[in-house]
Amino acid sequence: TGALVPPDQLVLQVPARALLEGDTVTLRCRGWNNKSVTWVSFYRHEKEVQVLRDGTELSLSLLQLNHSGSYHCRGWVSSEVSWGWRESASVPV
């Protein structure tokens, strides 16, 4: 059986297609089962890239080689049974 994802975990979604220099790519930080997520921070190599109070997407336009790296997101997840800061697993871009 596969590993179980905690019900309040965050997931960082990146496009499955190959990315080329000059592309625009959107990284999306989502709560598992569409739980509400606010105050989302995006990180590249553990350094904060952007903080969004309401948004959950980071758009990288005119991709350059220096955009590549390991990204993850952190946000405030709230549901009817729990709330708190959660982090996604790191995803290579």
N, C-alpha and C. Protein backbone atom coordinates (compact mmCIF):
# COMPACT_ATOMS: atom_id res chain seq x y z
N THR A 1 0.84 -1.19 0.00
CA THR A 1 0.00 0.00 0.00
C THR A 1 0.88 1.25 0.00
N GLY A 2 0.36 2.32 -0.59
CA GLY A 2 1.11 3.57 -0.64
C GLY A 2 1.07 4.29 0.69
N ALA A 3 1.93 5.25 0.83
CA ALA A 3 1.98 6.04 2.06
C ALA A 3 0.71 6.88 2.16
N LEU A 4 0.19 7.01 3.35
CA LEU A 4 -0.99 7.83 3.55
C LEU A 4 -0.58 9.28 3.73
N VAL A 5 -1.31 10.18 3.08
CA VAL A 5 -1.04 11.60 3.23
C VAL A 5 -1.91 12.11 4.37
N PRO A 6 -1.33 12.83 5.34
CA PRO A 6 -2.15 13.38 6.41
C PRO A 6 -3.28 14.22 5.81
N PRO A 7 -4.46 14.20 6.40
CA PRO A 7 -5.62 14.88 5.81
C PRO A 7 -5.48 16.39 5.72
N ASP A 8 -4.58 16.98 6.50
CA ASP A 8 -4.43 18.43 6.44
C ASP A 8 -3.11 18.84 5.79
N GLN A 9 -2.52 17.95 5.04
CA GLN A 9 -1.23 18.20 4.40
C GLN A 9 -1.39 19.15 3.21
N LEU A 10 -0.33 19.89 2.90
CA LEU A 10 -0.31 20.72 1.69
C LEU A 10 0.38 19.95 0.57
N VAL A 11 -0.04 20.26 -0.64
CA VAL A 11 0.56 19.65 -1.82
C VAL A 11 0.97 20.77 -2.77
N LEU A 12 2.22 20.74 -3.22
CA LEU A 12 2.68 21.72 -4.20
C LEU A 12 2.58 21.08 -5.57
N GLN A 13 1.74 21.66 -6.43
CA GLN A 13 1.53 21.12 -7.77
C GLN A 13 2.37 21.89 -8.77
N VAL A 14 3.06 21.16 -9.63
CA VAL A 14 3.82 21.76 -10.72
C VAL A 14 3.41 21.06 -12.01
N PRO A 15 3.52 21.75 -13.15
CA PRO A 15 3.13 21.12 -14.42
C PRO A 15 3.96 19.86 -14.68
N ALA A 16 3.33 18.87 -15.26
CA ALA A 16 4.03 17.61 -15.55
C ALA A 16 4.88 17.71 -16.81
N ARG A 17 4.60 18.72 -17.63
CA ARG A 17 5.32 18.83 -18.90
C ARG A 17 6.76 19.32 -18.69
N ALA A 18 7.57 19.11 -19.70
CA ALA A 18 8.95 19.62 -19.65
C ALA A 18 8.91 21.14 -19.74
N LEU A 19 9.74 21.79 -18.94
CA LEU A 19 9.78 23.25 -18.93
C LEU A 19 10.99 23.74 -19.70
N LEU A 20 10.78 24.79 -20.48
CA LEU A 20 11.84 25.34 -21.31
C LEU A 20 12.10 26.79 -20.90
N GLU A 21 13.32 27.25 -21.17
CA GLU A 21 13.64 28.65 -20.88
C GLU A 21 12.67 29.54 -21.64
N GLY A 22 12.19 30.59 -20.97
CA GLY A 22 11.24 31.51 -21.59
C GLY A 22 9.79 31.16 -21.31
N ASP A 23 9.54 29.96 -20.81
CA ASP A 23 8.17 29.55 -20.47
C ASP A 23 7.66 30.32 -19.26
N THR A 24 6.34 30.27 -19.07
CA THR A 24 5.74 30.72 -17.82
C THR A 24 5.18 29.49 -17.15
N VAL A 25 5.46 29.34 -15.87
CA VAL A 25 4.98 28.17 -15.13
C VAL A 25 4.29 28.65 -13.86
N THR A 26 3.21 27.96 -13.49
CA THR A 26 2.48 28.30 -12.27
C THR A 26 2.60 27.16 -11.28
N LEU A 27 3.09 27.49 -10.09
CA LEU A 27 3.14 26.52 -9.00
C LEU A 27 1.93 26.77 -8.11
N ARG A 28 1.23 25.72 -7.74
CA ARG A 28 -0.02 25.84 -6.99
C ARG A 28 0.09 25.09 -5.67
N CYS A 29 -0.17 25.81 -4.59
CA CYS A 29 -0.12 25.21 -3.25
C CYS A 29 -1.55 24.90 -2.82
N ARG A 30 -1.86 23.61 -2.67
CA ARG A 30 -3.24 23.21 -2.38
C ARG A 30 -3.34 22.43 -1.08
N GLY A 31 -4.43 22.65 -0.40
CA GLY A 31 -4.72 21.84 0.77
C GLY A 31 -5.30 20.52 0.31
N TRP A 32 -4.94 19.46 1.01
CA TRP A 32 -5.47 18.14 0.69
C TRP A 32 -7.00 18.19 0.80
N ASN A 33 -7.69 17.58 -0.16
CA ASN A 33 -9.16 17.61 -0.20
C ASN A 33 -9.70 19.04 -0.25
N ASN A 34 -8.93 19.93 -0.91
CA ASN A 34 -9.34 21.33 -1.09
C ASN A 34 -9.62 22.06 0.22
N LYS A 35 -8.87 21.73 1.26
CA LYS A 35 -9.00 22.47 2.51
C LYS A 35 -8.57 23.93 2.26
N SER A 36 -9.11 24.82 3.04
CA SER A 36 -8.81 26.24 2.90
C SER A 36 -7.35 26.52 3.31
N VAL A 37 -6.64 27.26 2.45
CA VAL A 37 -5.24 27.60 2.73
C VAL A 37 -5.06 29.11 2.57
N THR A 38 -4.48 29.75 3.57
CA THR A 38 -4.18 31.18 3.49
C THR A 38 -2.74 31.42 3.93
N TRP A 39 -2.28 32.64 3.75
CA TRP A 39 -0.92 33.03 4.11
C TRP A 39 0.11 32.04 3.57
N VAL A 40 0.06 31.83 2.27
CA VAL A 40 0.95 30.86 1.62
C VAL A 40 2.31 31.50 1.33
N SER A 41 3.36 30.80 1.72
CA SER A 41 4.73 31.21 1.39
C SER A 41 5.32 30.15 0.46
N PHE A 42 6.01 30.61 -0.56
CA PHE A 42 6.71 29.70 -1.47
C PHE A 42 8.21 29.80 -1.20
N TYR A 43 8.87 28.66 -1.21
CA TYR A 43 10.30 28.61 -0.92
C TYR A 43 11.04 27.90 -2.05
N ARG A 44 12.22 28.39 -2.35
CA ARG A 44 13.13 27.73 -3.28
C ARG A 44 14.43 27.50 -2.53
N HIS A 45 14.86 26.26 -2.41
CA HIS A 45 16.05 25.91 -1.63
C HIS A 45 15.99 26.52 -0.23
N GLU A 46 14.83 26.39 0.42
CA GLU A 46 14.61 26.86 1.79
C GLU A 46 14.61 28.39 1.94
N LYS A 47 14.73 29.13 0.84
CA LYS A 47 14.67 30.60 0.92
C LYS A 47 13.30 31.05 0.45
N GLU A 48 12.70 31.96 1.22
CA GLU A 48 11.36 32.44 0.87
C GLU A 48 11.41 33.23 -0.43
N VAL A 49 10.50 32.89 -1.34
CA VAL A 49 10.43 33.55 -2.64
C VAL A 49 9.29 34.57 -2.65
N GLN A 50 8.14 34.17 -2.11
CA GLN A 50 6.98 35.05 -2.11
C GLN A 50 6.00 34.63 -1.02
N VAL A 51 5.29 35.64 -0.46
CA VAL A 51 4.24 35.39 0.52
C VAL A 51 2.95 35.95 -0.05
N LEU A 52 1.89 35.16 0.00
CA LEU A 52 0.58 35.58 -0.49
C LEU A 52 -0.44 35.44 0.63
N ARG A 53 -1.14 36.52 0.92
CA ARG A 53 -2.13 36.46 2.00
C ARG A 53 -3.33 35.63 1.57
N ASP A 54 -3.80 35.82 0.35
CA ASP A 54 -4.98 35.12 -0.10
C ASP A 54 -4.72 34.15 -1.24
N GLY A 55 -3.75 34.45 -2.09
CA GLY A 55 -3.50 33.59 -3.24
C GLY A 55 -2.78 32.31 -2.87
N THR A 56 -2.84 31.34 -3.78
CA THR A 56 -2.17 30.06 -3.57
C THR A 56 -1.32 29.67 -4.76
N GLU A 57 -1.05 30.63 -5.67
CA GLU A 57 -0.29 30.32 -6.88
C GLU A 57 0.91 31.25 -7.02
N LEU A 58 2.03 30.67 -7.42
CA LEU A 58 3.23 31.43 -7.72
C LEU A 58 3.50 31.27 -9.21
N SER A 59 3.55 32.40 -9.92
CA SER A 59 3.80 32.36 -11.35
C SER A 59 5.24 32.77 -11.62
N LEU A 60 5.95 31.91 -12.31
CA LEU A 60 7.32 32.21 -12.72
C LEU A 60 7.29 32.44 -14.22
N SER A 61 7.53 33.69 -14.64
CA SER A 61 7.48 33.99 -16.07
C SER A 61 8.88 34.15 -16.62
N LEU A 62 8.99 33.96 -17.92
CA LEU A 62 10.29 34.00 -18.60
C LEU A 62 11.30 33.14 -17.85
N LEU A 63 10.98 31.87 -17.74
CA LEU A 63 11.82 30.94 -16.98
C LEU A 63 13.28 31.03 -17.40
N GLN A 64 14.13 31.02 -16.42
CA GLN A 64 15.57 30.99 -16.63
C GLN A 64 16.13 29.78 -15.90
N LEU A 65 17.34 29.43 -16.24
CA LEU A 65 17.97 28.29 -15.58
C LEU A 65 18.04 28.50 -14.07
N ASN A 66 18.21 29.77 -13.65
CA ASN A 66 18.34 30.02 -12.21
C ASN A 66 17.02 29.91 -11.45
N HIS A 67 15.90 29.70 -12.17
CA HIS A 67 14.63 29.42 -11.50
C HIS A 67 14.56 27.97 -11.03
N SER A 68 15.39 27.11 -11.61
CA SER A 68 15.29 25.69 -11.28
C SER A 68 15.73 25.45 -9.84
N GLY A 69 15.20 24.40 -9.27
CA GLY A 69 15.57 24.08 -7.90
C GLY A 69 14.48 23.30 -7.21
N SER A 70 14.61 23.21 -5.91
CA SER A 70 13.67 22.47 -5.08
C SER A 70 12.72 23.47 -4.42
N TYR A 71 11.43 23.34 -4.72
CA TYR A 71 10.43 24.27 -4.20
C TYR A 71 9.51 23.56 -3.21
N HIS A 72 9.03 24.31 -2.21
CA HIS A 72 7.95 23.82 -1.37
C HIS A 72 7.13 25.02 -0.90
N CYS A 73 5.97 24.74 -0.36
CA CYS A 73 5.13 25.83 0.13
C CYS A 73 4.73 25.57 1.57
N ARG A 74 4.36 26.65 2.25
CA ARG A 74 3.94 26.58 3.64
C ARG A 74 2.72 27.47 3.75
N GLY A 75 1.74 27.06 4.51
CA GLY A 75 0.54 27.88 4.64
C GLY A 75 -0.28 27.51 5.85
N TRP A 76 -1.26 28.38 6.13
CA TRP A 76 -2.17 28.17 7.24
C TRP A 76 -3.36 27.39 6.71
N VAL A 77 -3.52 26.16 7.20
CA VAL A 77 -4.59 25.27 6.75
C VAL A 77 -5.66 25.22 7.83
N SER A 78 -6.91 25.43 7.42
CA SER A 78 -7.99 25.33 8.40
C SER A 78 -9.09 24.42 7.88
N SER A 79 -9.59 23.62 8.78
CA SER A 79 -10.72 22.75 8.47
C SER A 79 -11.63 22.75 9.68
N GLU A 80 -12.71 21.99 9.58
CA GLU A 80 -13.64 21.97 10.71
C GLU A 80 -13.08 21.28 11.94
N VAL A 81 -12.02 20.49 11.76
CA VAL A 81 -11.49 19.75 12.92
C VAL A 81 -10.09 20.18 13.36
N SER A 82 -9.35 20.86 12.51
CA SER A 82 -8.00 21.26 12.90
C SER A 82 -7.55 22.48 12.11
N TRP A 83 -6.50 23.11 12.57
CA TRP A 83 -5.91 24.25 11.87
C TRP A 83 -4.46 24.37 12.30
N GLY A 84 -3.70 25.05 11.51
CA GLY A 84 -2.30 25.27 11.85
C GLY A 84 -1.44 25.41 10.62
N TRP A 85 -0.16 25.70 10.85
CA TRP A 85 0.80 25.84 9.76
C TRP A 85 1.18 24.46 9.25
N ARG A 86 1.21 24.31 7.93
CA ARG A 86 1.58 23.04 7.30
C ARG A 86 2.56 23.34 6.18
N GLU A 87 3.38 22.33 5.87
CA GLU A 87 4.33 22.47 4.76
C GLU A 87 4.13 21.34 3.77
N SER A 88 4.39 21.64 2.52
CA SER A 88 4.33 20.60 1.49
C SER A 88 5.70 19.91 1.42
N ALA A 89 5.72 18.79 0.75
CA ALA A 89 6.99 18.15 0.43
C ALA A 89 7.67 19.00 -0.64
N SER A 90 8.99 18.87 -0.77
CA SER A 90 9.72 19.60 -1.79
C SER A 90 9.53 18.95 -3.15
N VAL A 91 9.45 19.80 -4.18
CA VAL A 91 9.24 19.33 -5.55
C VAL A 91 10.32 19.95 -6.44
N PRO A 92 10.98 19.16 -7.27
CA PRO A 92 11.98 19.74 -8.18
C PRO A 92 11.33 20.46 -9.35
N VAL A 93 11.85 21.62 -9.70
CA VAL A 93 11.36 22.39 -10.85
C VAL A 93 12.52 22.60 -11.80
